[in-house]
Amino acid sequence: MPIIVDIDVMLAKRKMPVGVLAERVGITPANLAVLKNGRAKAVRFTTLEALCEVLECQPGDLLRWEA
């Protein structure tokens, strides 16, 4: 899938552990790992919104297309 998830980049910029992000977003660390590692087939807008709110970023900071 050419959609790349850059949650790792934003976590590094915010110096935030994965567990803290999962807790603040309200998803399990396992589900966050699936999304973070690019194995997710879809993401809910509510989850994307929560990620953006917690990480203080835009959706484009988390997702990008690469051919």
PDB file of N, CA and C in Angstrom:
ATOM      1  N   MET A   1       0.855  -1.178   0.000  1.00  0.00           N
ATOM      2  CA  MET A   1       0.000   0.000   0.000  1.00  0.00           C
ATOM      3  C   MET A   1       0.897   1.235   0.000  1.00  0.00           C
ATOM      4  N   PRO A   2       0.649   2.135  -0.897  1.00  0.00           N
ATOM      5  CA  PRO A   2       1.529   3.314  -0.989  1.00  0.00           C
ATOM      6  C   PRO A   2       1.245   4.402   0.041  1.00  0.00           C
ATOM      7  N   ILE A   3       0.281   4.193   0.944  1.00  0.00           N
ATOM      8  CA  ILE A   3       0.034   5.166   2.020  1.00  0.00           C
ATOM      9  C   ILE A   3       0.991   4.857   3.169  1.00  0.00           C
ATOM     10  N   ILE A   4       1.788   5.846   3.530  1.00  0.00           N
ATOM     11  CA  ILE A   4       2.769   5.698   4.603  1.00  0.00           C
ATOM     12  C   ILE A   4       2.255   6.420   5.842  1.00  0.00           C
ATOM     13  N   VAL A   5       2.334   5.754   6.979  1.00  0.00           N
ATOM     14  CA  VAL A   5       1.903   6.339   8.251  1.00  0.00           C
ATOM     15  C   VAL A   5       3.144   6.796   9.008  1.00  0.00           C
ATOM     16  N   ASP A   6       3.191   8.068   9.319  1.00  0.00           N
ATOM     17  CA  ASP A   6       4.366   8.666   9.967  1.00  0.00           C
ATOM     18  C   ASP A   6       4.126   8.970  11.444  1.00  0.00           C
ATOM     19  N   ILE A   7       3.445   8.084  12.133  1.00  0.00           N
ATOM     20  CA  ILE A   7       3.224   8.319  13.564  1.00  0.00           C
ATOM     21  C   ILE A   7       4.547   8.324  14.320  1.00  0.00           C
ATOM     22  N   ASP A   8       5.477   7.462  13.907  1.00  0.00           N
ATOM     23  CA  ASP A   8       6.793   7.428  14.568  1.00  0.00           C
ATOM     24  C   ASP A   8       7.487   8.790  14.506  1.00  0.00           C
ATOM     25  N   VAL A   9       7.382   9.444  13.358  1.00  0.00           N
ATOM     26  CA  VAL A   9       8.025  10.752  13.183  1.00  0.00           C
ATOM     27  C   VAL A   9       7.431  11.764  14.157  1.00  0.00           C
ATOM     28  N   MET A  10       6.093  11.773  14.243  1.00  0.00           N
ATOM     29  CA  MET A  10       5.439  12.733  15.138  1.00  0.00           C
ATOM     30  C   MET A  10       5.706  12.399  16.601  1.00  0.00           C
ATOM     31  N   LEU A  11       5.758  11.089  16.920  1.00  0.00           N
ATOM     32  CA  LEU A  11       6.073  10.708  18.308  1.00  0.00           C
ATOM     33  C   LEU A  11       7.481  11.187  18.677  1.00  0.00           C
ATOM     34  N   ALA A  12       8.418  11.047  17.760  1.00  0.00           N
ATOM     35  CA  ALA A  12       9.791  11.493  18.019  1.00  0.00           C
ATOM     36  C   ALA A  12       9.837  13.012  18.192  1.00  0.00           C
ATOM     37  N   LYS A  13       9.119  13.733  17.336  1.00  0.00           N
ATOM     38  CA  LYS A  13       9.105  15.201  17.436  1.00  0.00           C
ATOM     39  C   LYS A  13       8.500  15.657  18.759  1.00  0.00           C
ATOM     40  N   ARG A  14       7.473  14.934  19.215  1.00  0.00           N
ATOM     41  CA  ARG A  14       6.798  15.300  20.465  1.00  0.00           C
ATOM     42  C   ARG A  14       7.433  14.645  21.691  1.00  0.00           C
ATOM     43  N   LYS A  15       8.418  13.748  21.433  1.00  0.00           N
ATOM     44  CA  LYS A  15       9.099  13.018  22.508  1.00  0.00           C
ATOM     45  C   LYS A  15       8.066  12.328  23.406  1.00  0.00           C
ATOM     46  N   MET A  16       7.148  11.606  22.756  1.00  0.00           N
ATOM     47  CA  MET A  16       6.046  10.953  23.457  1.00  0.00           C
ATOM     48  C   MET A  16       6.146   9.442  23.251  1.00  0.00           C
ATOM     49  N   PRO A  17       6.081   8.663  24.321  1.00  0.00           N
ATOM     50  CA  PRO A  17       6.082   7.206  24.180  1.00  0.00           C
ATOM     51  C   PRO A  17       4.778   6.708  23.538  1.00  0.00           C
ATOM     52  N   VAL A  18       4.860   5.569  22.885  1.00  0.00           N
ATOM     53  CA  VAL A  18       3.702   4.992  22.206  1.00  0.00           C
ATOM     54  C   VAL A  18       2.563   4.719  23.186  1.00  0.00           C
ATOM     55  N   GLY A  19       2.900   4.222  24.376  1.00  0.00           N
ATOM     56  CA  GLY A  19       1.873   3.910  25.362  1.00  0.00           C
ATOM     57  C   GLY A  19       1.090   5.134  25.799  1.00  0.00           C
ATOM     58  N   VAL A  20       1.775   6.242  25.925  1.00  0.00           N
ATOM     59  CA  VAL A  20       1.101   7.495  26.320  1.00  0.00           C
ATOM     60  C   VAL A  20       0.155   7.944  25.215  1.00  0.00           C
ATOM     61  N   LEU A  21       0.616   7.851  23.966  1.00  0.00           N
ATOM     62  CA  LEU A  21      -0.254   8.233  22.844  1.00  0.00           C
ATOM     63  C   LEU A  21      -1.492   7.343  22.810  1.00  0.00           C
ATOM     64  N   ALA A  22      -1.298   6.036  22.947  1.00  0.00           N
ATOM     65  CA  ALA A  22      -2.435   5.105  22.925  1.00  0.00           C
ATOM     66  C   ALA A  22      -3.438   5.456  24.010  1.00  0.00           C
ATOM     67  N   GLU A  23      -2.951   5.731  25.205  1.00  0.00           N
ATOM     68  CA  GLU A  23      -3.836   6.068  26.319  1.00  0.00           C
ATOM     69  C   GLU A  23      -4.604   7.359  26.043  1.00  0.00           C
ATOM     70  N   ARG A  24      -3.905   8.381  25.542  1.00  0.00           N
ATOM     71  CA  ARG A  24      -4.552   9.673  25.307  1.00  0.00           C
ATOM     72  C   ARG A  24      -5.540   9.620  24.145  1.00  0.00           C
ATOM     73  N   VAL A  25      -5.240   8.778  23.140  1.00  0.00           N
ATOM     74  CA  VAL A  25      -6.132   8.646  21.986  1.00  0.00           C
ATOM     75  C   VAL A  25      -7.313   7.740  22.316  1.00  0.00           C
ATOM     76  N   GLY A  26      -7.097   6.814  23.245  1.00  0.00           N
ATOM     77  CA  GLY A  26      -8.168   5.911  23.631  1.00  0.00           C
ATOM     78  C   GLY A  26      -8.228   4.649  22.804  1.00  0.00           C
ATOM     79  N   ILE A  27      -7.087   4.206  22.288  1.00  0.00           N
ATOM     80  CA  ILE A  27      -7.026   2.931  21.581  1.00  0.00           C
ATOM     81  C   ILE A  27      -5.979   2.057  22.261  1.00  0.00           C
ATOM     82  N   THR A  28      -6.037   0.772  21.994  1.00  0.00           N
ATOM     83  CA  THR A  28      -5.087  -0.140  22.624  1.00  0.00           C
ATOM     84  C   THR A  28      -3.711   0.041  22.006  1.00  0.00           C
ATOM     85  N   PRO A  29      -2.664  -0.222  22.780  1.00  0.00           N
ATOM     86  CA  PRO A  29      -1.315  -0.159  22.208  1.00  0.00           C
ATOM     87  C   PRO A  29      -1.150  -1.102  21.016  1.00  0.00           C
ATOM     88  N   ALA A  30      -1.836  -2.246  21.047  1.00  0.00           N
ATOM     89  CA  ALA A  30      -1.751  -3.193  19.923  1.00  0.00           C
ATOM     90  C   ALA A  30      -2.345  -2.593  18.650  1.00  0.00           C
ATOM     91  N   ASN A  31      -3.499  -1.943  18.781  1.00  0.00           N
ATOM     92  CA  ASN A  31      -4.107  -1.314  17.598  1.00  0.00           C
ATOM     93  C   ASN A  31      -3.281  -0.132  17.105  1.00  0.00           C
ATOM     94  N   LEU A  32      -2.684   0.601  18.021  1.00  0.00           N
ATOM     95  CA  LEU A  32      -1.812   1.705  17.618  1.00  0.00           C
ATOM     96  C   LEU A  32      -0.582   1.166  16.893  1.00  0.00           C
ATOM     97  N   ALA A  33      -0.055   0.033  17.349  1.00  0.00           N
ATOM     98  CA  ALA A  33       1.101  -0.576  16.683  1.00  0.00           C
ATOM     99  C   ALA A  33       0.758  -1.007  15.261  1.00  0.00           C
ATOM    100  N   VAL A  34      -0.445  -1.547  15.075  1.00  0.00           N
ATOM    101  CA  VAL A  34      -0.887  -1.943  13.725  1.00  0.00           C
ATOM    102  C   VAL A  34      -0.915  -0.726  12.811  1.00  0.00           C
ATOM    103  N   LEU A  35      -1.451   0.368  13.327  1.00  0.00           N
ATOM    104  CA  LEU A  35      -1.515   1.606  12.537  1.00  0.00           C
ATOM    105  C   LEU A  35      -0.121   2.178  12.311  1.00  0.00           C
ATOM    106  N   LYS A  36       0.670   2.201  13.349  1.00  0.00           N
ATOM    107  CA  LYS A  36       2.010   2.793  13.297  1.00  0.00           C
ATOM    108  C   LYS A  36       2.935   2.041  12.342  1.00  0.00           C
ATOM    109  N   ASN A  37       2.766   0.723  12.277  1.00  0.00           N
ATOM    110  CA  ASN A  37       3.641  -0.087  11.440  1.00  0.00           C
ATOM    111  C   ASN A  37       3.130  -0.269  10.012  1.00  0.00           C
ATOM    112  N   GLY A  38       2.074   0.452   9.663  1.00  0.00           N
ATOM    113  CA  GLY A  38       1.577   0.406   8.296  1.00  0.00           C
ATOM    114  C   GLY A  38       0.826  -0.866   7.946  1.00  0.00           C
ATOM    115  N   ARG A  39       0.355  -1.601   8.926  1.00  0.00           N
ATOM    116  CA  ARG A  39      -0.380  -2.834   8.658  1.00  0.00           C
ATOM    117  C   ARG A  39      -1.886  -2.633   8.685  1.00  0.00           C
ATOM    118  N   ALA A  40      -2.342  -1.429   9.007  1.00  0.00           N
ATOM    119  CA  ALA A  40      -3.781  -1.159   9.071  1.00  0.00           C
ATOM    120  C   ALA A  40      -4.352  -1.048   7.661  1.00  0.00           C
ATOM    121  N   LYS A  41      -5.559  -1.537   7.481  1.00  0.00           N
ATOM    122  CA  LYS A  41      -6.251  -1.450   6.191  1.00  0.00           C
ATOM    123  C   LYS A  41      -7.115  -0.201   6.112  1.00  0.00           C
ATOM    124  N   ALA A  42      -7.406   0.395   7.266  1.00  0.00           N
ATOM    125  CA  ALA A  42      -8.252   1.589   7.312  1.00  0.00           C
ATOM    126  C   ALA A  42      -8.017   2.307   8.634  1.00  0.00           C
ATOM    127  N   VAL A  43      -8.428   3.556   8.678  1.00  0.00           N
ATOM    128  CA  VAL A  43      -8.386   4.315   9.927  1.00  0.00           C
ATOM    129  C   VAL A  43      -9.661   5.158  10.002  1.00  0.00           C
ATOM    130  N   ARG A  44     -10.300   5.134  11.149  1.00  0.00           N
ATOM    131  CA  ARG A  44     -11.508   5.936  11.333  1.00  0.00           C
ATOM    132  C   ARG A  44     -11.124   7.413  11.441  1.00  0.00           C
ATOM    133  N   PHE A  45     -11.995   8.265  10.929  1.00  0.00           N
ATOM    134  CA  PHE A  45     -11.753   9.704  11.047  1.00  0.00           C
ATOM    135  C   PHE A  45     -11.688  10.120  12.512  1.00  0.00           C
ATOM    136  N   THR A  46     -12.476   9.463  13.366  1.00  0.00           N
ATOM    137  CA  THR A  46     -12.449   9.811  14.792  1.00  0.00           C
ATOM    138  C   THR A  46     -11.079   9.488  15.398  1.00  0.00           C
ATOM    139  N   THR A  47     -10.479   8.389  14.954  1.00  0.00           N
ATOM    140  CA  THR A  47      -9.138   8.038  15.439  1.00  0.00           C
ATOM    141  C   THR A  47      -8.114   9.026  14.893  1.00  0.00           C
ATOM    142  N   LEU A  48      -8.219   9.345  13.611  1.00  0.00           N
ATOM    143  CA  LEU A  48      -7.300  10.308  13.008  1.00  0.00           C
ATOM    144  C   LEU A  48      -7.430  11.669  13.684  1.00  0.00           C
ATOM    145  N   GLU A  49      -8.651  12.066  13.972  1.00  0.00           N
ATOM    146  CA  GLU A  49      -8.885  13.338  14.658  1.00  0.00           C
ATOM    147  C   GLU A  49      -8.242  13.326  16.046  1.00  0.00           C
ATOM    148  N   ALA A  50      -8.410  12.230  16.775  1.00  0.00           N
ATOM    149  CA  ALA A  50      -7.826  12.131  18.121  1.00  0.00           C
ATOM    150  C   ALA A  50      -6.308  12.156  18.055  1.00  0.00           C
ATOM    151  N   LEU A  51      -5.737  11.454  17.071  1.00  0.00           N
ATOM    152  CA  LEU A  51      -4.275  11.474  16.908  1.00  0.00           C
ATOM    153  C   LEU A  51      -3.784  12.902  16.640  1.00  0.00           C
ATOM    154  N   CYS A  52      -4.475  13.602  15.758  1.00  0.00           N
ATOM    155  CA  CYS A  52      -4.081  14.977  15.431  1.00  0.00           C
ATOM    156  C   CYS A  52      -4.215  15.897  16.643  1.00  0.00           C
ATOM    157  N   GLU A  53      -5.276  15.701  17.414  1.00  0.00           N
ATOM    158  CA  GLU A  53      -5.486  16.536  18.594  1.00  0.00           C
ATOM    159  C   GLU A  53      -4.376  16.315  19.623  1.00  0.00           C
ATOM    160  N   VAL A  54      -4.058  15.055  19.890  1.00  0.00           N
ATOM    161  CA  VAL A  54      -3.042  14.741  20.902  1.00  0.00           C
ATOM    162  C   VAL A  54      -1.644  15.151  20.419  1.00  0.00           C
ATOM    163  N   LEU A  55      -1.360  14.893  19.156  1.00  0.00           N
ATOM    164  CA  LEU A  55      -0.021  15.191  18.629  1.00  0.00           C
ATOM    165  C   LEU A  55       0.097  16.639  18.120  1.00  0.00           C
ATOM    166  N   GLU A  56      -1.037  17.372  18.147  1.00  0.00           N
ATOM    167  CA  GLU A  56      -1.065  18.766  17.684  1.00  0.00           C
ATOM    168  C   GLU A  56      -0.469  18.874  16.286  1.00  0.00           C
ATOM    169  N   CYS A  57      -1.116  18.167  15.357  1.00  0.00           N
ATOM    170  CA  CYS A  57      -0.645  18.170  13.975  1.00  0.00           C
ATOM    171  C   CYS A  57      -1.822  18.063  13.018  1.00  0.00           C
ATOM    172  N   GLN A  58      -1.537  18.097  11.739  1.00  0.00           N
ATOM    173  CA  GLN A  58      -2.535  17.944  10.690  1.00  0.00           C
ATOM    174  C   GLN A  58      -2.523  16.498  10.189  1.00  0.00           C
ATOM    175  N   PRO A  59      -3.635  16.024   9.593  1.00  0.00           N
ATOM    176  CA  PRO A  59      -3.643  14.658   9.054  1.00  0.00           C
ATOM    177  C   PRO A  59      -2.488  14.402   8.080  1.00  0.00           C
ATOM    178  N   GLY A  60      -2.128  15.402   7.317  1.00  0.00           N
ATOM    179  CA  GLY A  60      -1.022  15.255   6.367  1.00  0.00           C
ATOM    180  C   GLY A  60       0.326  15.053   7.035  1.00  0.00           C
ATOM    181  N   ASP A  61       0.419  15.390   8.311  1.00  0.00           N
ATOM    182  CA  ASP A  61       1.654  15.132   9.055  1.00  0.00           C
ATOM    183  C   ASP A  61       1.762  13.656   9.429  1.00  0.00           C
ATOM    184  N   LEU A  62       0.626  12.955   9.422  1.00  0.00           N
ATOM    185  CA  LEU A  62       0.604  11.547   9.822  1.00  0.00           C
ATOM    186  C   LEU A  62       0.526  10.595   8.641  1.00  0.00           C
ATOM    187  N   LEU A  63      -0.094  11.035   7.540  1.00  0.00           N
ATOM    188  CA  LEU A  63      -0.293  10.169   6.385  1.00  0.00           C
ATOM    189  C   LEU A  63       0.289  10.822   5.150  1.00  0.00           C
ATOM    190  N   ARG A  64       0.938  10.007   4.324  1.00  0.00           N
ATOM    191  CA  ARG A  64       1.425  10.521   3.040  1.00  0.00           C
ATOM    192  C   ARG A  64       1.376   9.394   2.021  1.00  0.00           C
ATOM    193  N   TRP A  65       1.309   9.776   0.763  1.00  0.00           N
ATOM    194  CA  TRP A  65       1.268   8.810  -0.324  1.00  0.00           C
ATOM    195  C   TRP A  65       2.644   8.738  -0.955  1.00  0.00           C
ATOM    196  N   GLU A  66       3.100   7.531  -1.206  1.00  0.00           N
ATOM    197  CA  GLU A  66       4.406   7.343  -1.845  1.00  0.00           C
ATOM    198  C   GLU A  66       4.274   6.248  -2.883  1.00  0.00           C
ATOM    199  N   ALA A  67       4.614   6.561  -4.095  1.00  0.00           N
ATOM    200  CA  ALA A  67       4.503   5.584  -5.205  1.00  0.00           C
ATOM    201  C   ALA A  67       5.591   4.530  -5.120  1.00  0.00           C
TER     202      ALA A  67
END
